[in-house]
PDB file of N, CA and C in Angstrom:
ATOM      1  N   MET A   1       6.498  -5.863  19.635  1.00  0.00           N
ATOM      2  CA  MET A   1       6.463  -6.789  18.543  1.00  0.00           C
ATOM      3  C   MET A   1       6.717  -5.910  17.235  1.00  0.00           C
ATOM      4  N   ASN A   2       7.404  -5.850  16.312  1.00  0.00           N
ATOM      5  CA  ASN A   2       7.868  -4.982  15.016  1.00  0.00           C
ATOM      6  C   ASN A   2       6.372  -5.415  14.304  1.00  0.00           C
ATOM      7  N   LEU A   3       5.506  -4.327  14.110  1.00  0.00           N
ATOM      8  CA  LEU A   3       4.807  -4.706  12.377  1.00  0.00           C
ATOM      9  C   LEU A   3       5.336  -3.946  11.231  1.00  0.00           C
ATOM     10  N   PRO A   4       4.929  -4.292  10.385  1.00  0.00           N
ATOM     11  CA  PRO A   4       5.631  -3.981   9.136  1.00  0.00           C
ATOM     12  C   PRO A   4       4.730  -3.027   8.666  1.00  0.00           C
ATOM     13  N   GLY A   5       5.367  -2.247   7.863  1.00  0.00           N
ATOM     14  CA  GLY A   5       4.814  -0.652   7.649  1.00  0.00           C
ATOM     15  C   GLY A   5       3.574  -1.035   6.302  1.00  0.00           C
ATOM     16  N   LEU A   6       2.653   0.158   6.075  1.00  0.00           N
ATOM     17  CA  LEU A   6       2.271   0.119   5.534  1.00  0.00           C
ATOM     18  C   LEU A   6       2.127   0.737   3.991  1.00  0.00           C
ATOM     19  N   TYR A   7       1.969   0.267   2.882  1.00  0.00           N
ATOM     20  CA  TYR A   7       1.697   1.032   1.334  1.00  0.00           C
ATOM     21  C   TYR A   7       0.157   1.250   1.422  1.00  0.00           C
ATOM     22  N   LEU A   8      -0.017   2.550   1.425  1.00  0.00           N
ATOM     23  CA  LEU A   8      -1.467   2.749   0.844  1.00  0.00           C
ATOM     24  C   LEU A   8      -1.290   3.300  -0.782  1.00  0.00           C
ATOM     25  N   ASP A   9      -2.533   2.369  -1.312  1.00  0.00           N
ATOM     26  CA  ASP A   9      -2.751   3.167  -2.805  1.00  0.00           C
ATOM     27  C   ASP A   9      -4.052   3.802  -2.052  1.00  0.00           C
ATOM     28  N   GLU A  10      -4.193   4.699  -3.357  1.00  0.00           N
ATOM     29  CA  GLU A  10      -5.314   5.388  -3.676  1.00  0.00           C
ATOM     30  C   GLU A  10      -6.591   5.106  -3.159  1.00  0.00           C
ATOM     31  N   ASP A  11      -6.970   4.032  -3.255  1.00  0.00           N
ATOM     32  CA  ASP A  11      -8.391   3.475  -3.170  1.00  0.00           C
ATOM     33  C   ASP A  11      -8.651   3.369  -1.162  1.00  0.00           C
ATOM     34  N   VAL A  12      -7.475   3.574  -0.325  1.00  0.00           N
ATOM     35  CA  VAL A  12      -7.675   3.073   0.457  1.00  0.00           C
ATOM     36  C   VAL A  12      -6.985   5.410   1.410  1.00  0.00           C
ATOM     37  N   GLN A  13      -6.853   5.681   0.738  1.00  0.00           N
ATOM     38  CA  GLN A  13      -5.925   7.045   1.481  1.00  0.00           C
ATOM     39  C   GLN A  13      -7.054   8.105   1.706  1.00  0.00           C
ATOM     40  N   SER A  14      -6.963   8.341   2.547  1.00  0.00           N
ATOM     41  CA  SER A  14      -7.575   9.700   3.692  1.00  0.00           C
ATOM     42  C   SER A  14      -6.860  10.671   4.697  1.00  0.00           C
ATOM     43  N   LEU A  15      -7.152  11.258   5.109  1.00  0.00           N
ATOM     44  CA  LEU A  15      -6.005  12.308   5.589  1.00  0.00           C
ATOM     45  C   LEU A  15      -6.042  11.469   7.230  1.00  0.00           C
ATOM     46  N   ALA A  16      -7.552  11.464   7.435  1.00  0.00           N
ATOM     47  CA  ALA A  16      -7.836  11.007   8.943  1.00  0.00           C
ATOM     48  C   ALA A  16      -7.353   9.515   9.305  1.00  0.00           C
ATOM     49  N   LEU A  17      -7.536   8.717   8.019  1.00  0.00           N
ATOM     50  CA  LEU A  17      -6.315   7.277   8.293  1.00  0.00           C
ATOM     51  C   LEU A  17      -5.030   7.377   8.291  1.00  0.00           C
ATOM     52  N   ILE A  18      -4.663   7.898   7.674  1.00  0.00           N
ATOM     53  CA  ILE A  18      -3.018   8.260   7.657  1.00  0.00           C
ATOM     54  C   ILE A  18      -2.316   9.255   8.800  1.00  0.00           C
ATOM     55  N   ALA A  19      -3.396   9.909   9.384  1.00  0.00           N
ATOM     56  CA  ALA A  19      -2.649  10.729  10.600  1.00  0.00           C
ATOM     57  C   ALA A  19      -2.957   9.600  11.878  1.00  0.00           C
ATOM     58  N   SER A  20      -4.186   9.019  11.869  1.00  0.00           N
ATOM     59  CA  SER A  20      -4.584   8.504  12.582  1.00  0.00           C
ATOM     60  C   SER A  20      -3.220   6.922  12.898  1.00  0.00           C
ATOM     61  N   LEU A  21      -3.231   6.306  11.604  1.00  0.00           N
ATOM     62  CA  LEU A  21      -2.186   4.838  11.922  1.00  0.00           C
ATOM     63  C   LEU A  21      -1.295   5.922  12.074  1.00  0.00           C
ATOM     64  N   ARG A  22      -0.295   6.881  11.341  1.00  0.00           N
ATOM     65  CA  ARG A  22       0.991   7.445  11.885  1.00  0.00           C
ATOM     66  C   ARG A  22       1.017   7.893  13.305  1.00  0.00           C
ATOM     67  N   ALA A  23       0.097   8.126  13.993  1.00  0.00           N
ATOM     68  CA  ALA A  23       0.025   8.540  15.596  1.00  0.00           C
ATOM     69  C   ALA A  23       0.461   7.105  16.438  1.00  0.00           C
ATOM     70  N   LEU A  24       0.341   5.908  15.395  1.00  0.00           N
ATOM     71  CA  LEU A  24       0.545   4.824  16.398  1.00  0.00           C
ATOM     72  C   LEU A  24       1.459   4.410  16.240  1.00  0.00           C
ATOM     73  N   ASP A  25       2.568   5.475  15.253  1.00  0.00           N
ATOM     74  CA  ASP A  25       3.924   5.205  15.226  1.00  0.00           C
ATOM     75  C   ASP A  25       4.063   4.539  14.216  1.00  0.00           C
ATOM     76  N   LEU A  26       3.030   3.927  13.418  1.00  0.00           N
ATOM     77  CA  LEU A  26       3.247   2.768  12.236  1.00  0.00           C
ATOM     78  C   LEU A  26       3.597   3.517  10.824  1.00  0.00           C
ATOM     79  N   LYS A  27       4.653   2.805  10.242  1.00  0.00           N
ATOM     80  CA  LYS A  27       5.480   3.391   9.130  1.00  0.00           C
ATOM     81  C   LYS A  27       4.468   3.656   8.325  1.00  0.00           C
ATOM     82  N   ILE A  28       4.289   4.571   7.406  1.00  0.00           N
ATOM     83  CA  ILE A  28       3.121   5.065   6.783  1.00  0.00           C
ATOM     84  C   ILE A  28       3.669   5.274   5.096  1.00  0.00           C
ATOM     85  N   LEU A  29       3.675   4.654   4.284  1.00  0.00           N
ATOM     86  CA  LEU A  29       3.687   5.117   2.717  1.00  0.00           C
ATOM     87  C   LEU A  29       2.843   5.193   1.651  1.00  0.00           C
ATOM     88  N   THR A  30       2.128   6.606   1.671  1.00  0.00           N
ATOM     89  CA  THR A  30       1.207   6.477   0.309  1.00  0.00           C
ATOM     90  C   THR A  30       1.689   6.565  -1.033  1.00  0.00           C
ATOM     91  N   THR A  31       1.141   6.441  -1.923  1.00  0.00           N
ATOM     92  CA  THR A  31       1.507   6.300  -3.719  1.00  0.00           C
ATOM     93  C   THR A  31       1.731   7.483  -3.462  1.00  0.00           C
ATOM     94  N   GLY A  32       1.589   8.402  -3.552  1.00  0.00           N
ATOM     95  CA  GLY A  32       1.570  10.253  -3.618  1.00  0.00           C
ATOM     96  C   GLY A  32       3.251  10.069  -3.109  1.00  0.00           C
ATOM     97  N   GLU A  33       3.436   9.894  -2.489  1.00  0.00           N
ATOM     98  CA  GLU A  33       4.680  10.093  -1.713  1.00  0.00           C
ATOM     99  C   GLU A  33       5.844   9.478  -1.850  1.00  0.00           C
ATOM    100  N   ALA A  34       5.660   8.534  -2.666  1.00  0.00           N
ATOM    101  CA  ALA A  34       6.250   7.672  -3.403  1.00  0.00           C
ATOM    102  C   ALA A  34       6.452   7.854  -4.796  1.00  0.00           C
ATOM    103  N   ARG A  35       5.651   8.695  -5.635  1.00  0.00           N
ATOM    104  CA  ARG A  35       5.794   9.138  -6.674  1.00  0.00           C
ATOM    105  C   ARG A  35       5.156   8.121  -7.334  1.00  0.00           C
ATOM    106  N   MET A  36       4.685   7.359  -6.670  1.00  0.00           N
ATOM    107  CA  MET A  36       3.958   5.780  -7.628  1.00  0.00           C
ATOM    108  C   MET A  36       2.643   6.117  -7.815  1.00  0.00           C
ATOM    109  N   SER A  37       1.608   7.400  -8.041  1.00  0.00           N
ATOM    110  CA  SER A  37       0.400   7.392  -8.385  1.00  0.00           C
ATOM    111  C   SER A  37       0.210   6.936  -9.748  1.00  0.00           C
ATOM    112  N   THR A  38       1.116   7.024 -10.947  1.00  0.00           N
ATOM    113  CA  THR A  38       0.329   6.700 -11.866  1.00  0.00           C
ATOM    114  C   THR A  38       0.751   5.395 -12.693  1.00  0.00           C
ATOM    115  N   ARG A  39       1.607   4.661 -11.779  1.00  0.00           N
ATOM    116  CA  ARG A  39       1.366   3.260 -11.964  1.00  0.00           C
ATOM    117  C   ARG A  39       0.991   2.387 -11.744  1.00  0.00           C
ATOM    118  N   THR A  40       0.596   1.331 -12.493  1.00  0.00           N
ATOM    119  CA  THR A  40      -0.310  -0.278 -12.425  1.00  0.00           C
ATOM    120  C   THR A  40      -0.304  -0.469 -11.006  1.00  0.00           C
ATOM    121  N   ASP A  41      -1.278  -1.722 -10.952  1.00  0.00           N
ATOM    122  CA  ASP A  41      -1.539  -2.033  -9.927  1.00  0.00           C
ATOM    123  C   ASP A  41      -0.112  -3.236  -9.139  1.00  0.00           C
ATOM    124  N   GLU A  42       0.357  -4.426 -10.391  1.00  0.00           N
ATOM    125  CA  GLU A  42       1.098  -4.892 -10.314  1.00  0.00           C
ATOM    126  C   GLU A  42       2.954  -4.256  -9.989  1.00  0.00           C
ATOM    127  N   GLU A  43       2.961  -2.959 -10.618  1.00  0.00           N
ATOM    128  CA  GLU A  43       3.899  -2.117 -10.206  1.00  0.00           C
ATOM    129  C   GLU A  43       3.465  -1.317  -8.724  1.00  0.00           C
ATOM    130  N   GLN A  44       2.614  -1.265  -8.645  1.00  0.00           N
ATOM    131  CA  GLN A  44       2.382  -0.688  -7.096  1.00  0.00           C
ATOM    132  C   GLN A  44       2.550  -2.146  -5.894  1.00  0.00           C
ATOM    133  N   LEU A  45       2.128  -3.448  -6.371  1.00  0.00           N
ATOM    134  CA  LEU A  45       2.818  -3.954  -5.456  1.00  0.00           C
ATOM    135  C   LEU A  45       4.185  -4.854  -5.550  1.00  0.00           C
ATOM    136  N   ARG A  46       4.842  -4.718  -6.359  1.00  0.00           N
ATOM    137  CA  ARG A  46       6.583  -5.088  -6.669  1.00  0.00           C
ATOM    138  C   ARG A  46       6.791  -4.214  -6.149  1.00  0.00           C
ATOM    139  N   PHE A  47       6.490  -2.913  -5.795  1.00  0.00           N
ATOM    140  CA  PHE A  47       7.206  -1.806  -5.057  1.00  0.00           C
ATOM    141  C   PHE A  47       6.623  -1.594  -3.650  1.00  0.00           C
ATOM    142  N   ALA A  48       5.715  -2.173  -3.174  1.00  0.00           N
ATOM    143  CA  ALA A  48       5.256  -1.869  -2.050  1.00  0.00           C
ATOM    144  C   ALA A  48       6.439  -3.601  -1.390  1.00  0.00           C
ATOM    145  N   THR A  49       6.459  -4.607  -2.374  1.00  0.00           N
ATOM    146  CA  THR A  49       7.427  -5.831  -1.833  1.00  0.00           C
ATOM    147  C   THR A  49       8.710  -5.672  -2.283  1.00  0.00           C
ATOM    148  N   ALA A  50       9.230  -4.800  -2.456  1.00  0.00           N
ATOM    149  CA  ALA A  50      10.839  -4.454  -2.553  1.00  0.00           C
ATOM    150  C   ALA A  50      10.874  -3.550  -1.266  1.00  0.00           C
ATOM    151  N   GLN A  51      10.132  -2.613  -0.939  1.00  0.00           N
ATOM    152  CA  GLN A  51      10.062  -2.054   0.222  1.00  0.00           C
ATOM    153  C   GLN A  51       9.655  -2.348   1.583  1.00  0.00           C
ATOM    154  N   GLY A  52       9.500  -3.686   1.352  1.00  0.00           N
ATOM    155  CA  GLY A  52       9.164  -4.426   2.987  1.00  0.00           C
ATOM    156  C   GLY A  52       7.870  -3.861   3.416  1.00  0.00           C
ATOM    157  N   LEU A  53       7.181  -3.376   2.666  1.00  0.00           N
ATOM    158  CA  LEU A  53       5.623  -2.975   3.169  1.00  0.00           C
ATOM    159  C   LEU A  53       4.444  -3.909   2.410  1.00  0.00           C
ATOM    160  N   VAL A  54       3.277  -3.660   3.470  1.00  0.00           N
ATOM    161  CA  VAL A  54       2.206  -4.280   2.979  1.00  0.00           C
ATOM    162  C   VAL A  54       1.221  -3.230   2.569  1.00  0.00           C
ATOM    163  N   LEU A  55       1.190  -3.530   1.111  1.00  0.00           N
ATOM    164  CA  LEU A  55      -0.005  -2.673   0.510  1.00  0.00           C
ATOM    165  C   LEU A  55      -1.228  -2.706   1.242  1.00  0.00           C
ATOM    166  N   ALA A  56      -1.883  -1.581   1.128  1.00  0.00           N
ATOM    167  CA  ALA A  56      -3.599  -1.650   1.223  1.00  0.00           C
ATOM    168  C   ALA A  56      -4.028  -1.440   0.464  1.00  0.00           C
ATOM    169  N   THR A  57      -5.016  -1.995  -0.205  1.00  0.00           N
ATOM    170  CA  THR A  57      -6.289  -1.639  -1.113  1.00  0.00           C
ATOM    171  C   THR A  57      -7.144  -1.814  -0.938  1.00  0.00           C
ATOM    172  N   SER A  58      -7.731  -1.534  -1.654  1.00  0.00           N
ATOM    173  CA  SER A  58      -9.927  -1.892  -1.211  1.00  0.00           C
ATOM    174  C   SER A  58     -10.286  -2.500  -2.757  1.00  0.00           C
ATOM    175  N   ASN A  59      -8.889  -2.678  -3.919  1.00  0.00           N
ATOM    176  CA  ASN A  59      -9.263  -3.185  -5.307  1.00  0.00           C
ATOM    177  C   ASN A  59      -9.207  -4.196  -5.029  1.00  0.00           C
ATOM    178  N   VAL A  60     -10.258  -4.362  -4.655  1.00  0.00           N
ATOM    179  CA  VAL A  60     -10.218  -6.451  -4.386  1.00  0.00           C
ATOM    180  C   VAL A  60     -10.469  -7.488  -5.830  1.00  0.00           C
ATOM    181  N   ALA A  61     -10.732  -6.589  -6.814  1.00  0.00           N
ATOM    182  CA  ALA A  61     -11.004  -7.308  -7.802  1.00  0.00           C
ATOM    183  C   ALA A  61      -9.506  -7.541  -8.796  1.00  0.00           C
ATOM    184  N   ASP A  62      -9.134  -6.643  -8.747  1.00  0.00           N
ATOM    185  CA  ASP A  62      -7.633  -6.558  -9.561  1.00  0.00           C
ATOM    186  C   ASP A  62      -6.799  -6.922  -8.905  1.00  0.00           C
ATOM    187  N   PHE A  63      -6.581  -7.208  -7.472  1.00  0.00           N
ATOM    188  CA  PHE A  63      -5.434  -7.704  -6.887  1.00  0.00           C
ATOM    189  C   PHE A  63      -5.789  -9.095  -6.386  1.00  0.00           C
ATOM    190  N   ALA A  64      -7.139  -9.365  -6.612  1.00  0.00           N
ATOM    191  CA  ALA A  64      -7.226 -10.850  -6.713  1.00  0.00           C
ATOM    192  C   ALA A  64      -6.922 -11.881  -7.544  1.00  0.00           C
ATOM    193  N   LYS A  65      -6.736 -10.838  -8.747  1.00  0.00           N
ATOM    194  CA  LYS A  65      -6.202 -11.382 -10.049  1.00  0.00           C
ATOM    195  C   LYS A  65      -4.490 -11.796  -9.880  1.00  0.00           C
ATOM    196  N   ILE A  66      -4.242 -10.258  -9.427  1.00  0.00           N
ATOM    197  CA  ILE A  66      -2.708  -9.713  -9.283  1.00  0.00           C
ATOM    198  C   ILE A  66      -2.339 -11.182  -8.772  1.00  0.00           C
ATOM    199  N   HIS A  67      -3.032 -11.721  -7.322  1.00  0.00           N
ATOM    200  CA  HIS A  67      -2.661 -12.500  -5.789  1.00  0.00           C
ATOM    201  C   HIS A  67      -2.382 -13.851  -6.744  1.00  0.00           C
ATOM    202  N   GLY A  68      -3.518 -14.086  -8.153  1.00  0.00           N
ATOM    203  CA  GLY A  68      -3.286 -16.055  -8.536  1.00  0.00           C
ATOM    204  C   GLY A  68      -2.413 -15.652  -9.066  1.00  0.00           C
ATOM    205  N   ARG A  69      -1.726 -15.120  -9.783  1.00  0.00           N
ATOM    206  CA  ARG A  69      -0.386 -14.682 -10.647  1.00  0.00           C
ATOM    207  C   ARG A  69       0.701 -15.163  -9.993  1.00  0.00           C
ATOM    208  N   TRP A  70       0.572 -14.010  -8.432  1.00  0.00           N
ATOM    209  CA  TRP A  70       2.050 -14.265  -7.559  1.00  0.00           C
ATOM    210  C   TRP A  70       2.270 -15.813  -7.283  1.00  0.00           C
ATOM    211  N   LEU A  71       0.918 -15.990  -6.819  1.00  0.00           N
ATOM    212  CA  LEU A  71       1.137 -17.723  -5.968  1.00  0.00           C
ATOM    213  C   LEU A  71       1.428 -18.511  -7.322  1.00  0.00           C
TER     214      LEU A  71
END
């Protein structure tokens, strides 16, 4: 099975998490690596979508609103 890669925003990044996921041979990209750290939440989601990545965040309040708009 080919799993999609993950795009980790600042809310869920930790060196241990990143290392653990990469050790499982998962494609991981962080906002810092993508030079997207200063971008808005909506820009983060657009970027992840364009890259074919799943956005991982713990920013539930903001992304619930964005999700509603995208539907």
